[in-house]
Amino acid sequence: MIEGTNIRKQRASAHAPGFESEQTVECIALAGAAAIERLIAERDLLSRRANSQQRDLVALNAINENLRRCIALVRHNYLELGTKILAQLEQFDEVIGDATRDRIATEAPNDDANLIALAHRLKPKTISTK
């Protein structure tokens, strides 16, 4: 950094002709140098920020990819579980269907015979008029 205050003090003590214009040029030069220094500092700060954000982006992309793999694994496991449950439900339905058909097949003649006997008992007696 340029020591502008020291130069100003040295120039202020000199009383040469054209001192005013020389002092103005010097002030402008010092202001320009200070502006350049600020621009360089801002550039460096922005560069560090950009590098930091780039590292964060790489880390977040890695985390995102890991999460995608985890979600795909969970999805696969749920599909596998659903398939197993569906197979068990189909087996259960088949067993219940077989048991129901067996019961109907074994009980149907008895039920029909019982119904026929009940119908005969409840049948009104016909009176013959001859």
N, C-alpha and C. Protein backbone atom coordinates (compact mmCIF):
# COMPACT_ATOMS: atom_id res chain seq x y z
N MET A 1 0.85 -1.18 0.00
CA MET A 1 0.00 0.00 0.00
C MET A 1 0.89 1.24 0.00
N ILE A 2 0.49 2.25 -0.71
CA ILE A 2 1.26 3.48 -0.81
C ILE A 2 0.95 4.34 0.40
N GLU A 3 1.98 4.87 0.98
CA GLU A 3 1.82 5.74 2.16
C GLU A 3 1.52 7.15 1.68
N GLY A 4 0.28 7.42 1.44
CA GLY A 4 -0.14 8.73 0.92
C GLY A 4 0.01 9.84 1.92
N THR A 5 -0.18 9.56 3.18
CA THR A 5 -0.11 10.64 4.19
C THR A 5 1.31 11.15 4.36
N ASN A 6 2.30 10.26 4.29
CA ASN A 6 3.69 10.70 4.43
C ASN A 6 4.11 11.57 3.24
N ILE A 7 3.68 11.18 2.06
CA ILE A 7 4.04 11.95 0.86
C ILE A 7 3.38 13.32 0.91
N ARG A 8 2.14 13.38 1.35
CA ARG A 8 1.43 14.66 1.44
C ARG A 8 2.14 15.60 2.42
N LYS A 9 2.57 15.06 3.55
CA LYS A 9 3.25 15.89 4.55
C LYS A 9 4.56 16.44 4.01
N GLN A 10 5.30 15.61 3.25
CA GLN A 10 6.56 16.06 2.69
C GLN A 10 6.31 17.15 1.64
N ARG A 11 5.31 16.98 0.83
CA ARG A 11 5.00 17.95 -0.23
C ARG A 11 4.42 19.24 0.35
N ALA A 12 3.69 19.11 1.44
CA ALA A 12 3.09 20.30 2.03
C ALA A 12 4.15 21.24 2.58
N SER A 13 5.28 20.70 2.97
CA SER A 13 6.35 21.55 3.51
C SER A 13 7.11 22.28 2.41
N ALA A 14 7.08 21.79 1.21
CA ALA A 14 7.79 22.44 0.10
C ALA A 14 6.93 23.55 -0.46
N HIS A 15 7.59 24.68 -0.81
CA HIS A 15 6.86 25.83 -1.37
C HIS A 15 7.48 26.18 -2.71
N ALA A 16 7.27 25.32 -3.69
CA ALA A 16 7.82 25.58 -5.02
C ALA A 16 6.72 26.08 -5.91
N PRO A 17 7.08 26.78 -7.00
CA PRO A 17 6.05 27.22 -7.94
C PRO A 17 5.41 26.02 -8.61
N GLY A 18 4.12 26.10 -8.83
CA GLY A 18 3.36 25.00 -9.43
C GLY A 18 3.02 23.91 -8.41
N PHE A 19 3.20 24.27 -7.16
CA PHE A 19 2.98 23.31 -6.08
C PHE A 19 1.52 22.85 -6.03
N GLU A 20 0.59 23.77 -6.28
CA GLU A 20 -0.84 23.46 -6.22
C GLU A 20 -1.20 22.39 -7.27
N SER A 21 -0.76 22.56 -8.51
CA SER A 21 -1.12 21.60 -9.55
C SER A 21 -0.40 20.27 -9.32
N GLU A 22 0.82 20.33 -8.81
CA GLU A 22 1.55 19.11 -8.53
C GLU A 22 0.87 18.34 -7.39
N GLN A 23 0.37 19.09 -6.41
CA GLN A 23 -0.32 18.46 -5.29
C GLN A 23 -1.63 17.84 -5.75
N THR A 24 -2.32 18.49 -6.66
CA THR A 24 -3.57 17.95 -7.20
C THR A 24 -3.32 16.66 -7.96
N VAL A 25 -2.31 16.65 -8.80
CA VAL A 25 -1.96 15.45 -9.56
C VAL A 25 -1.59 14.32 -8.61
N GLU A 26 -0.82 14.69 -7.58
CA GLU A 26 -0.40 13.69 -6.60
C GLU A 26 -1.61 13.11 -5.85
N CYS A 27 -2.55 13.96 -5.48
CA CYS A 27 -3.77 13.49 -4.80
C CYS A 27 -4.58 12.58 -5.70
N ILE A 28 -4.67 12.94 -6.97
CA ILE A 28 -5.41 12.10 -7.92
C ILE A 28 -4.71 10.77 -8.08
N ALA A 29 -3.38 10.78 -8.16
CA ALA A 29 -2.63 9.54 -8.30
C ALA A 29 -2.80 8.66 -7.08
N LEU A 30 -2.76 9.28 -5.90
CA LEU A 30 -2.95 8.52 -4.66
C LEU A 30 -4.36 7.93 -4.58
N ALA A 31 -5.34 8.72 -4.99
CA ALA A 31 -6.72 8.24 -4.99
C ALA A 31 -6.87 7.08 -5.98
N GLY A 32 -6.23 7.20 -7.14
CA GLY A 32 -6.27 6.12 -8.14
C GLY A 32 -5.61 4.86 -7.61
N ALA A 33 -4.47 5.02 -6.93
CA ALA A 33 -3.76 3.86 -6.37
C ALA A 33 -4.61 3.20 -5.28
N ALA A 34 -5.26 4.00 -4.46
CA ALA A 34 -6.12 3.45 -3.41
C ALA A 34 -7.31 2.71 -4.04
N ALA A 35 -7.87 3.27 -5.11
CA ALA A 35 -8.99 2.62 -5.80
C ALA A 35 -8.53 1.29 -6.40
N ILE A 36 -7.35 1.28 -6.97
CA ILE A 36 -6.82 0.03 -7.54
C ILE A 36 -6.61 -1.00 -6.44
N GLU A 37 -6.09 -0.57 -5.31
CA GLU A 37 -5.90 -1.49 -4.19
C GLU A 37 -7.23 -2.06 -3.70
N ARG A 38 -8.26 -1.21 -3.64
CA ARG A 38 -9.58 -1.70 -3.24
C ARG A 38 -10.13 -2.70 -4.25
N LEU A 39 -9.94 -2.40 -5.54
CA LEU A 39 -10.40 -3.32 -6.58
C LEU A 39 -9.69 -4.67 -6.49
N ILE A 40 -8.39 -4.64 -6.22
CA ILE A 40 -7.63 -5.88 -6.09
C ILE A 40 -8.11 -6.66 -4.88
N ALA A 41 -8.35 -5.95 -3.76
CA ALA A 41 -8.84 -6.62 -2.55
C ALA A 41 -10.22 -7.24 -2.80
N GLU A 42 -11.10 -6.50 -3.49
CA GLU A 42 -12.43 -7.03 -3.80
C GLU A 42 -12.34 -8.23 -4.74
N ARG A 43 -11.43 -8.14 -5.73
CA ARG A 43 -11.24 -9.25 -6.66
C ARG A 43 -10.77 -10.50 -5.91
N ASP A 44 -9.82 -10.32 -5.01
CA ASP A 44 -9.32 -11.45 -4.23
C ASP A 44 -10.41 -12.04 -3.35
N LEU A 45 -11.21 -11.17 -2.73
CA LEU A 45 -12.31 -11.64 -1.89
C LEU A 45 -13.32 -12.42 -2.73
N LEU A 46 -13.68 -11.88 -3.88
CA LEU A 46 -14.64 -12.57 -4.76
C LEU A 46 -14.07 -13.89 -5.26
N SER A 47 -12.78 -13.92 -5.54
CA SER A 47 -12.14 -15.15 -5.99
C SER A 47 -12.18 -16.21 -4.88
N ARG A 48 -11.89 -15.80 -3.65
CA ARG A 48 -11.96 -16.75 -2.53
C ARG A 48 -13.39 -17.24 -2.33
N ARG A 49 -14.35 -16.33 -2.45
CA ARG A 49 -15.75 -16.73 -2.32
C ARG A 49 -16.16 -17.72 -3.40
N ALA A 50 -15.74 -17.43 -4.64
CA ALA A 50 -16.07 -18.32 -5.75
C ALA A 50 -15.45 -19.69 -5.53
N ASN A 51 -14.21 -19.73 -5.07
CA ASN A 51 -13.56 -21.02 -4.80
C ASN A 51 -14.27 -21.78 -3.69
N SER A 52 -14.67 -21.05 -2.65
CA SER A 52 -15.40 -21.67 -1.54
C SER A 52 -16.74 -22.22 -2.02
N GLN A 53 -17.45 -21.44 -2.82
CA GLN A 53 -18.73 -21.89 -3.34
C GLN A 53 -18.57 -23.08 -4.29
N GLN A 54 -17.47 -23.10 -5.04
CA GLN A 54 -17.20 -24.23 -5.93
C GLN A 54 -16.97 -25.50 -5.11
N ARG A 55 -16.21 -25.40 -4.01
CA ARG A 55 -16.00 -26.55 -3.14
C ARG A 55 -17.32 -27.01 -2.52
N ASP A 56 -18.15 -26.05 -2.09
CA ASP A 56 -19.46 -26.39 -1.53
C ASP A 56 -20.33 -27.10 -2.56
N LEU A 57 -20.28 -26.61 -3.80
CA LEU A 57 -21.07 -27.21 -4.87
C LEU A 57 -20.64 -28.65 -5.13
N VAL A 58 -19.35 -28.89 -5.15
CA VAL A 58 -18.84 -30.25 -5.36
C VAL A 58 -19.30 -31.15 -4.21
N ALA A 59 -19.21 -30.65 -2.97
CA ALA A 59 -19.64 -31.44 -1.82
C ALA A 59 -21.14 -31.71 -1.88
N LEU A 60 -21.93 -30.71 -2.23
CA LEU A 60 -23.38 -30.89 -2.31
C LEU A 60 -23.77 -31.86 -3.43
N ASN A 61 -23.04 -31.81 -4.54
CA ASN A 61 -23.31 -32.76 -5.63
C ASN A 61 -23.02 -34.19 -5.18
N ALA A 62 -21.95 -34.38 -4.41
CA ALA A 62 -21.63 -35.71 -3.89
C ALA A 62 -22.73 -36.18 -2.93
N ILE A 63 -23.18 -35.29 -2.06
CA ILE A 63 -24.25 -35.64 -1.12
C ILE A 63 -25.53 -35.96 -1.88
N ASN A 64 -25.83 -35.16 -2.91
CA ASN A 64 -27.03 -35.37 -3.72
C ASN A 64 -26.99 -36.74 -4.39
N GLU A 65 -25.84 -37.10 -4.94
CA GLU A 65 -25.70 -38.40 -5.60
C GLU A 65 -25.88 -39.53 -4.59
N ASN A 66 -25.33 -39.36 -3.39
CA ASN A 66 -25.49 -40.37 -2.34
C ASN A 66 -26.96 -40.52 -1.96
N LEU A 67 -27.67 -39.40 -1.84
CA LEU A 67 -29.10 -39.45 -1.52
C LEU A 67 -29.89 -40.14 -2.63
N ARG A 68 -29.52 -39.87 -3.87
CA ARG A 68 -30.20 -40.54 -4.99
C ARG A 68 -30.03 -42.06 -4.91
N ARG A 69 -28.80 -42.50 -4.58
CA ARG A 69 -28.55 -43.93 -4.45
C ARG A 69 -29.38 -44.51 -3.30
N CYS A 70 -29.45 -43.79 -2.19
CA CYS A 70 -30.24 -44.27 -1.04
C CYS A 70 -31.72 -44.36 -1.40
N ILE A 71 -32.24 -43.37 -2.09
CA ILE A 71 -33.65 -43.38 -2.49
C ILE A 71 -33.91 -44.53 -3.46
N ALA A 72 -32.99 -44.77 -4.38
CA ALA A 72 -33.16 -45.89 -5.32
C ALA A 72 -33.15 -47.22 -4.57
N LEU A 73 -32.29 -47.34 -3.56
CA LEU A 73 -32.24 -48.57 -2.76
C LEU A 73 -33.53 -48.75 -1.97
N VAL A 74 -34.03 -47.69 -1.37
CA VAL A 74 -35.29 -47.77 -0.62
C VAL A 74 -36.43 -48.15 -1.56
N ARG A 75 -36.46 -47.54 -2.74
CA ARG A 75 -37.51 -47.86 -3.72
C ARG A 75 -37.45 -49.34 -4.10
N HIS A 76 -36.23 -49.82 -4.36
CA HIS A 76 -36.05 -51.23 -4.73
C HIS A 76 -36.55 -52.14 -3.60
N ASN A 77 -36.19 -51.80 -2.35
CA ASN A 77 -36.61 -52.62 -1.21
C ASN A 77 -38.13 -52.61 -1.04
N TYR A 78 -38.76 -51.45 -1.25
CA TYR A 78 -40.22 -51.38 -1.14
C TYR A 78 -40.89 -52.19 -2.25
N LEU A 79 -40.35 -52.14 -3.45
CA LEU A 79 -40.92 -52.94 -4.54
C LEU A 79 -40.78 -54.43 -4.25
N GLU A 80 -39.63 -54.81 -3.71
CA GLU A 80 -39.40 -56.20 -3.35
C GLU A 80 -40.38 -56.64 -2.25
N LEU A 81 -40.54 -55.79 -1.24
CA LEU A 81 -41.47 -56.08 -0.15
C LEU A 81 -42.90 -56.17 -0.67
N GLY A 82 -43.29 -55.24 -1.53
CA GLY A 82 -44.64 -55.27 -2.11
C GLY A 82 -44.88 -56.53 -2.91
N THR A 83 -43.86 -56.97 -3.65
CA THR A 83 -43.99 -58.20 -4.43
C THR A 83 -44.18 -59.41 -3.52
N LYS A 84 -43.40 -59.46 -2.43
CA LYS A 84 -43.53 -60.58 -1.48
C LYS A 84 -44.90 -60.57 -0.82
N ILE A 85 -45.37 -59.40 -0.41
CA ILE A 85 -46.69 -59.30 0.23
C ILE A 85 -47.79 -59.71 -0.74
N LEU A 86 -47.67 -59.27 -2.00
CA LEU A 86 -48.66 -59.64 -3.00
C LEU A 86 -48.68 -61.15 -3.22
N ALA A 87 -47.51 -61.77 -3.27
CA ALA A 87 -47.44 -63.22 -3.44
C ALA A 87 -48.09 -63.93 -2.25
N GLN A 88 -47.85 -63.44 -1.04
CA GLN A 88 -48.46 -64.04 0.15
C GLN A 88 -49.97 -63.85 0.15
N LEU A 89 -50.43 -62.67 -0.27
CA LEU A 89 -51.88 -62.44 -0.35
C LEU A 89 -52.53 -63.36 -1.38
N GLU A 90 -51.85 -63.58 -2.50
CA GLU A 90 -52.39 -64.49 -3.51
C GLU A 90 -52.46 -65.92 -2.97
N GLN A 91 -51.42 -66.33 -2.23
CA GLN A 91 -51.45 -67.67 -1.61
C GLN A 91 -52.59 -67.76 -0.60
N PHE A 92 -52.76 -66.71 0.20
CA PHE A 92 -53.83 -66.68 1.20
C PHE A 92 -55.18 -66.78 0.51
N ASP A 93 -55.35 -66.01 -0.57
CA ASP A 93 -56.61 -66.03 -1.31
C ASP A 93 -56.88 -67.42 -1.89
N GLU A 94 -55.84 -68.05 -2.38
CA GLU A 94 -55.99 -69.39 -2.95
C GLU A 94 -56.38 -70.40 -1.88
N VAL A 95 -55.72 -70.32 -0.72
CA VAL A 95 -56.05 -71.24 0.38
C VAL A 95 -57.48 -71.02 0.85
N ILE A 96 -57.90 -69.75 1.02
CA ILE A 96 -59.26 -69.44 1.45
C ILE A 96 -60.26 -69.93 0.40
N GLY A 97 -59.95 -69.70 -0.87
CA GLY A 97 -60.84 -70.15 -1.95
C GLY A 97 -60.99 -71.67 -1.95
N ASP A 98 -59.85 -72.38 -1.79
CA ASP A 98 -59.91 -73.85 -1.75
C ASP A 98 -60.72 -74.32 -0.55
N ALA A 99 -60.50 -73.69 0.61
CA ALA A 99 -61.23 -74.09 1.81
C ALA A 99 -62.73 -73.83 1.65
N THR A 100 -63.08 -72.73 1.04
CA THR A 100 -64.48 -72.38 0.83
C THR A 100 -65.12 -73.36 -0.15
N ARG A 101 -64.42 -73.70 -1.22
CA ARG A 101 -64.96 -74.64 -2.20
C ARG A 101 -65.11 -76.03 -1.57
N ASP A 102 -64.14 -76.44 -0.77
CA ASP A 102 -64.22 -77.75 -0.11
C ASP A 102 -65.41 -77.78 0.84
N ARG A 103 -65.62 -76.72 1.58
CA ARG A 103 -66.73 -76.66 2.54
C ARG A 103 -68.07 -76.70 1.80
N ILE A 104 -68.15 -75.93 0.73
CA ILE A 104 -69.40 -75.91 -0.05
C ILE A 104 -69.65 -77.28 -0.66
N ALA A 105 -68.58 -77.91 -1.15
CA ALA A 105 -68.75 -79.22 -1.78
C ALA A 105 -69.18 -80.27 -0.76
N THR A 106 -68.64 -80.21 0.44
CA THR A 106 -69.00 -81.22 1.45
C THR A 106 -70.32 -80.91 2.13
N GLU A 107 -70.67 -79.65 2.23
CA GLU A 107 -71.89 -79.29 2.94
C GLU A 107 -73.10 -79.10 2.02
N ALA A 108 -72.89 -78.96 0.77
CA ALA A 108 -73.99 -78.68 -0.14
C ALA A 108 -75.05 -79.78 -0.15
N PRO A 109 -74.67 -81.04 -0.26
CA PRO A 109 -75.74 -82.07 -0.23
C PRO A 109 -76.48 -82.08 1.09
N ASN A 110 -75.81 -81.90 2.18
CA ASN A 110 -76.48 -81.88 3.47
C ASN A 110 -77.41 -80.68 3.57
N ASP A 111 -76.94 -79.53 3.12
CA ASP A 111 -77.78 -78.34 3.18
C ASP A 111 -79.01 -78.51 2.29
N ASP A 112 -78.79 -79.04 1.10
CA ASP A 112 -79.92 -79.24 0.19
C ASP A 112 -80.92 -80.26 0.77
N ALA A 113 -80.40 -81.32 1.35
CA ALA A 113 -81.29 -82.34 1.94
C ALA A 113 -82.06 -81.75 3.11
N ASN A 114 -81.38 -80.95 3.90
CA ASN A 114 -82.05 -80.31 5.02
C ASN A 114 -83.14 -79.36 4.55
N LEU A 115 -82.85 -78.61 3.50
CA LEU A 115 -83.83 -77.68 2.96
C LEU A 115 -85.03 -78.41 2.37
N ILE A 116 -84.75 -79.51 1.70
CA ILE A 116 -85.84 -80.29 1.10
C ILE A 116 -86.73 -80.89 2.19
N ALA A 117 -86.09 -81.40 3.24
CA ALA A 117 -86.86 -81.98 4.35
C ALA A 117 -87.69 -80.91 5.03
N LEU A 118 -87.12 -79.74 5.22
CA LEU A 118 -87.85 -78.64 5.84
C LEU A 118 -89.02 -78.21 4.96
N ALA A 119 -88.80 -78.17 3.67
CA ALA A 119 -89.87 -77.79 2.75
C ALA A 119 -91.00 -78.80 2.79
N HIS A 120 -90.69 -80.10 2.89
CA HIS A 120 -91.73 -81.13 2.97
C HIS A 120 -92.52 -81.01 4.26
N ARG A 121 -91.87 -80.71 5.34
CA ARG A 121 -92.58 -80.58 6.62
C ARG A 121 -93.49 -79.36 6.64
N LEU A 122 -93.05 -78.30 6.00
CA LEU A 122 -93.85 -77.07 6.02
C LEU A 122 -94.88 -77.02 4.89
N LYS A 123 -94.87 -77.98 4.03
CA LYS A 123 -95.79 -78.00 2.90
C LYS A 123 -97.21 -78.19 3.43
N PRO A 124 -98.12 -77.34 2.95
CA PRO A 124 -99.49 -77.51 3.42
C PRO A 124 -100.09 -78.82 2.90
N LYS A 125 -100.91 -79.42 3.74
CA LYS A 125 -101.55 -80.68 3.37
C LYS A 125 -102.71 -80.38 2.44
N THR A 126 -102.79 -81.11 1.42
CA THR A 126 -103.87 -80.90 0.48
C THR A 126 -105.05 -81.81 0.87
N ILE A 127 -106.20 -81.30 0.79
CA ILE A 127 -107.40 -82.06 1.14
C ILE A 127 -108.03 -82.54 -0.17
N SER A 128 -108.25 -83.80 -0.21
CA SER A 128 -108.87 -84.28 -1.42
C SER A 128 -110.41 -84.19 -1.27
N THR A 129 -111.06 -83.73 -2.31
CA THR A 129 -112.47 -83.50 -2.29
C THR A 129 -113.23 -84.63 -2.98
N LYS A 130 -112.64 -85.60 -3.37
CA LYS A 130 -113.35 -86.69 -4.03
C LYS A 130 -113.85 -87.65 -3.10
